[in-house]
Amino acid sequence: MSKKCESCGYLMEDESDYGGHDYDSRYCSFCTDGDGILKSFPEKLSDLTDLIIKKDKTMSREDAFNYAKKALLKMPAWKHIKPDDYKFRG
């Protein structure tokens, strides 16, 4: 059974991929705490920004931040977030 995380789009296939190791979770283990509770938007934004920089060392932190924010805001978990509430602060 596989489905995409509603927070980041990660394809969850194995039990360990699901938040809280629960196949009923809408979120992946990267987007949740140990109990399967969704992390906050700022925390996920920071995590994804760091991951992007790690994978693309040529990208600036500001560009990675803006890319991560744009990607996350497309996901159902963050539809209530207002883009202007989160700006890069160097």
N, C-alpha and C. Protein backbone atom coordinates (compact mmCIF):
# COMPACT_ATOMS: atom_id res chain seq x y z
N MET A 1 0.85 -1.18 0.00
CA MET A 1 0.00 0.00 0.00
C MET A 1 0.89 1.24 0.00
N SER A 2 0.73 2.09 -0.98
CA SER A 2 1.53 3.30 -1.00
C SER A 2 0.64 4.51 -1.26
N LYS A 3 1.08 5.62 -0.71
CA LYS A 3 0.41 6.90 -0.96
C LYS A 3 1.41 8.01 -0.71
N LYS A 4 1.07 9.21 -1.16
CA LYS A 4 1.97 10.35 -0.98
C LYS A 4 1.65 11.10 0.30
N CYS A 5 2.70 11.56 0.94
CA CYS A 5 2.57 12.38 2.14
C CYS A 5 1.85 13.68 1.76
N GLU A 6 0.86 14.05 2.55
CA GLU A 6 0.11 15.27 2.28
C GLU A 6 0.84 16.53 2.74
N SER A 7 1.99 16.36 3.34
CA SER A 7 2.79 17.49 3.78
C SER A 7 3.91 17.82 2.80
N CYS A 8 4.58 16.77 2.26
CA CYS A 8 5.74 17.01 1.41
C CYS A 8 5.70 16.30 0.07
N GLY A 9 4.80 15.35 -0.10
CA GLY A 9 4.70 14.62 -1.35
C GLY A 9 5.54 13.37 -1.43
N TYR A 10 6.24 13.03 -0.35
CA TYR A 10 7.08 11.84 -0.31
C TYR A 10 6.21 10.59 -0.51
N LEU A 11 6.68 9.67 -1.34
CA LEU A 11 5.93 8.44 -1.58
C LEU A 11 6.19 7.47 -0.43
N MET A 12 5.15 7.16 0.31
CA MET A 12 5.24 6.26 1.45
C MET A 12 4.85 4.86 0.99
N GLU A 13 5.76 3.92 1.15
CA GLU A 13 5.51 2.55 0.71
C GLU A 13 5.58 1.56 1.86
N ASP A 14 6.63 1.65 2.65
CA ASP A 14 6.82 0.73 3.78
C ASP A 14 6.25 1.34 5.05
N GLU A 15 5.96 0.49 6.00
CA GLU A 15 5.40 0.96 7.28
C GLU A 15 6.29 2.04 7.90
N SER A 16 7.60 1.90 7.77
CA SER A 16 8.53 2.86 8.37
C SER A 16 8.46 4.23 7.70
N ASP A 17 7.91 4.31 6.49
CA ASP A 17 7.76 5.58 5.79
C ASP A 17 6.63 6.43 6.36
N TYR A 18 5.65 5.78 6.98
CA TYR A 18 4.46 6.47 7.48
C TYR A 18 4.71 7.07 8.86
N GLY A 19 4.17 8.25 9.09
CA GLY A 19 4.28 8.88 10.40
C GLY A 19 3.74 7.99 11.49
N GLY A 20 4.52 7.79 12.55
CA GLY A 20 4.11 6.92 13.65
C GLY A 20 4.06 5.46 13.25
N HIS A 21 4.64 5.13 12.09
CA HIS A 21 4.62 3.76 11.54
C HIS A 21 3.19 3.25 11.44
N ASP A 22 2.30 4.16 11.06
CA ASP A 22 0.87 3.85 10.97
C ASP A 22 0.40 4.04 9.53
N TYR A 23 -0.01 2.95 8.89
CA TYR A 23 -0.45 3.01 7.50
C TYR A 23 -1.62 3.98 7.28
N ASP A 24 -2.33 4.34 8.32
CA ASP A 24 -3.44 5.28 8.19
C ASP A 24 -2.99 6.74 8.22
N SER A 25 -1.72 6.98 8.54
CA SER A 25 -1.21 8.35 8.62
C SER A 25 -1.21 9.00 7.25
N ARG A 26 -1.55 10.27 7.21
CA ARG A 26 -1.53 11.03 5.96
C ARG A 26 -0.15 11.64 5.72
N TYR A 27 0.74 11.52 6.73
CA TYR A 27 2.03 12.17 6.66
C TYR A 27 3.17 11.17 6.83
N CYS A 28 4.31 11.48 6.22
CA CYS A 28 5.46 10.58 6.28
C CYS A 28 6.24 10.75 7.58
N SER A 29 7.18 9.85 7.79
CA SER A 29 7.99 9.88 9.01
C SER A 29 8.91 11.09 9.06
N PHE A 30 9.21 11.71 7.92
CA PHE A 30 10.05 12.92 7.89
C PHE A 30 9.26 14.15 8.34
N CYS A 31 7.95 14.11 8.16
CA CYS A 31 7.11 15.27 8.47
C CYS A 31 6.43 15.19 9.83
N THR A 32 6.69 14.11 10.55
CA THR A 32 6.04 13.92 11.85
C THR A 32 7.07 13.68 12.94
N ASP A 33 6.61 13.83 14.17
CA ASP A 33 7.46 13.48 15.31
C ASP A 33 7.34 11.97 15.55
N GLY A 34 7.95 11.48 16.58
CA GLY A 34 7.95 10.05 16.86
C GLY A 34 6.59 9.44 17.09
N ASP A 35 5.62 10.29 17.45
CA ASP A 35 4.25 9.80 17.68
C ASP A 35 3.36 9.93 16.45
N GLY A 36 3.92 10.41 15.35
CA GLY A 36 3.14 10.56 14.12
C GLY A 36 2.40 11.88 14.02
N ILE A 37 2.73 12.83 14.90
CA ILE A 37 2.09 14.16 14.88
C ILE A 37 2.82 15.05 13.89
N LEU A 38 2.08 15.70 13.02
CA LEU A 38 2.66 16.57 12.01
C LEU A 38 3.47 17.69 12.66
N LYS A 39 4.69 17.89 12.15
CA LYS A 39 5.54 18.98 12.63
C LYS A 39 4.96 20.30 12.12
N SER A 40 5.40 21.40 12.69
CA SER A 40 4.91 22.72 12.29
C SER A 40 5.44 23.10 10.91
N PHE A 41 4.73 24.02 10.28
CA PHE A 41 5.18 24.50 8.97
C PHE A 41 6.58 25.09 9.04
N PRO A 42 6.89 25.95 10.00
CA PRO A 42 8.25 26.50 10.06
C PRO A 42 9.32 25.41 10.20
N GLU A 43 9.03 24.39 10.96
CA GLU A 43 9.99 23.30 11.13
C GLU A 43 10.19 22.55 9.82
N LYS A 44 9.10 22.24 9.12
CA LYS A 44 9.20 21.54 7.84
C LYS A 44 9.89 22.41 6.79
N LEU A 45 9.59 23.69 6.81
CA LEU A 45 10.23 24.62 5.87
C LEU A 45 11.74 24.64 6.10
N SER A 46 12.15 24.68 7.34
CA SER A 46 13.58 24.65 7.67
C SER A 46 14.22 23.33 7.26
N ASP A 47 13.54 22.21 7.57
CA ASP A 47 14.06 20.89 7.20
C ASP A 47 14.26 20.77 5.69
N LEU A 48 13.26 21.19 4.92
CA LEU A 48 13.34 21.06 3.47
C LEU A 48 14.39 22.01 2.89
N THR A 49 14.48 23.19 3.43
CA THR A 49 15.52 24.14 2.99
C THR A 49 16.90 23.52 3.18
N ASP A 50 17.13 22.94 4.35
CA ASP A 50 18.42 22.29 4.63
C ASP A 50 18.68 21.13 3.68
N LEU A 51 17.66 20.33 3.40
CA LEU A 51 17.81 19.20 2.50
C LEU A 51 18.17 19.66 1.08
N ILE A 52 17.52 20.71 0.63
CA ILE A 52 17.79 21.24 -0.71
C ILE A 52 19.24 21.72 -0.80
N ILE A 53 19.70 22.43 0.21
CA ILE A 53 21.07 22.93 0.22
C ILE A 53 22.07 21.77 0.25
N LYS A 54 21.75 20.74 0.99
CA LYS A 54 22.61 19.56 1.07
C LYS A 54 22.73 18.88 -0.29
N LYS A 55 21.62 18.83 -1.03
CA LYS A 55 21.62 18.16 -2.34
C LYS A 55 22.17 19.05 -3.45
N ASP A 56 22.00 20.37 -3.33
CA ASP A 56 22.47 21.31 -4.35
C ASP A 56 23.31 22.39 -3.69
N LYS A 57 24.57 22.12 -3.57
CA LYS A 57 25.47 23.02 -2.85
C LYS A 57 25.68 24.37 -3.56
N THR A 58 25.20 24.48 -4.79
CA THR A 58 25.34 25.74 -5.52
C THR A 58 24.19 26.70 -5.22
N MET A 59 23.12 26.19 -4.62
CA MET A 59 21.95 27.02 -4.36
C MET A 59 22.14 27.83 -3.08
N SER A 60 21.76 29.09 -3.14
CA SER A 60 21.84 29.94 -1.95
C SER A 60 20.76 29.53 -0.95
N ARG A 61 20.95 29.88 0.31
CA ARG A 61 19.96 29.56 1.33
C ARG A 61 18.63 30.24 1.01
N GLU A 62 18.68 31.48 0.53
CA GLU A 62 17.44 32.19 0.20
C GLU A 62 16.69 31.51 -0.94
N ASP A 63 17.41 31.10 -1.98
CA ASP A 63 16.76 30.41 -3.10
C ASP A 63 16.18 29.07 -2.64
N ALA A 64 16.93 28.35 -1.81
CA ALA A 64 16.45 27.06 -1.29
C ALA A 64 15.21 27.27 -0.44
N PHE A 65 15.21 28.29 0.39
CA PHE A 65 14.06 28.62 1.23
C PHE A 65 12.82 28.89 0.36
N ASN A 66 12.99 29.72 -0.66
CA ASN A 66 11.86 30.07 -1.51
C ASN A 66 11.36 28.86 -2.30
N TYR A 67 12.27 28.01 -2.75
CA TYR A 67 11.89 26.79 -3.46
C TYR A 67 11.11 25.86 -2.53
N ALA A 68 11.62 25.68 -1.32
CA ALA A 68 10.97 24.80 -0.33
C ALA A 68 9.58 25.33 0.02
N LYS A 69 9.47 26.63 0.24
CA LYS A 69 8.18 27.22 0.59
C LYS A 69 7.17 27.01 -0.53
N LYS A 70 7.59 27.25 -1.75
CA LYS A 70 6.69 27.08 -2.90
C LYS A 70 6.22 25.63 -3.01
N ALA A 71 7.13 24.70 -2.82
CA ALA A 71 6.79 23.27 -2.92
C ALA A 71 5.82 22.85 -1.81
N LEU A 72 6.11 23.25 -0.57
CA LEU A 72 5.26 22.86 0.55
C LEU A 72 3.86 23.46 0.44
N LEU A 73 3.78 24.69 -0.02
CA LEU A 73 2.48 25.36 -0.08
C LEU A 73 1.54 24.73 -1.11
N LYS A 74 2.06 23.87 -1.97
CA LYS A 74 1.22 23.15 -2.93
C LYS A 74 0.55 21.93 -2.29
N MET A 75 0.99 21.57 -1.09
CA MET A 75 0.53 20.34 -0.45
C MET A 75 -0.72 20.59 0.41
N PRO A 76 -1.61 19.59 0.49
CA PRO A 76 -2.87 19.75 1.24
C PRO A 76 -2.68 20.12 2.72
N ALA A 77 -1.63 19.63 3.33
CA ALA A 77 -1.44 19.90 4.76
C ALA A 77 -1.25 21.38 5.06
N TRP A 78 -0.79 22.13 4.07
CA TRP A 78 -0.43 23.53 4.31
C TRP A 78 -1.34 24.51 3.57
N LYS A 79 -2.51 24.08 3.14
CA LYS A 79 -3.40 24.95 2.37
C LYS A 79 -3.87 26.16 3.18
N HIS A 80 -3.80 26.07 4.50
CA HIS A 80 -4.24 27.18 5.36
C HIS A 80 -3.13 28.21 5.60
N ILE A 81 -1.92 27.94 5.15
CA ILE A 81 -0.78 28.82 5.38
C ILE A 81 -0.81 29.98 4.39
N LYS A 82 -0.55 31.18 4.89
CA LYS A 82 -0.48 32.37 4.04
C LYS A 82 0.99 32.58 3.66
N PRO A 83 1.30 32.56 2.36
CA PRO A 83 2.69 32.67 1.91
C PRO A 83 3.43 33.89 2.47
N ASP A 84 2.74 35.00 2.58
CA ASP A 84 3.40 36.21 3.05
C ASP A 84 3.77 36.17 4.53
N ASP A 85 3.26 35.18 5.26
CA ASP A 85 3.60 35.06 6.67
C ASP A 85 5.01 34.48 6.87
N TYR A 86 5.59 33.93 5.81
CA TYR A 86 6.90 33.28 5.90
C TYR A 86 7.83 33.87 4.86
N LYS A 87 8.73 34.70 5.32
CA LYS A 87 9.69 35.35 4.43
C LYS A 87 11.10 34.99 4.87
N PHE A 88 12.00 34.94 3.92
CA PHE A 88 13.39 34.62 4.23
C PHE A 88 13.97 35.74 5.11
N ARG A 89 14.67 35.32 6.16
CA ARG A 89 15.23 36.29 7.09
C ARG A 89 16.74 36.09 7.26
N GLY A 90 17.39 35.64 6.22
CA GLY A 90 18.86 35.49 6.19
C GLY A 90 19.39 34.95 7.42
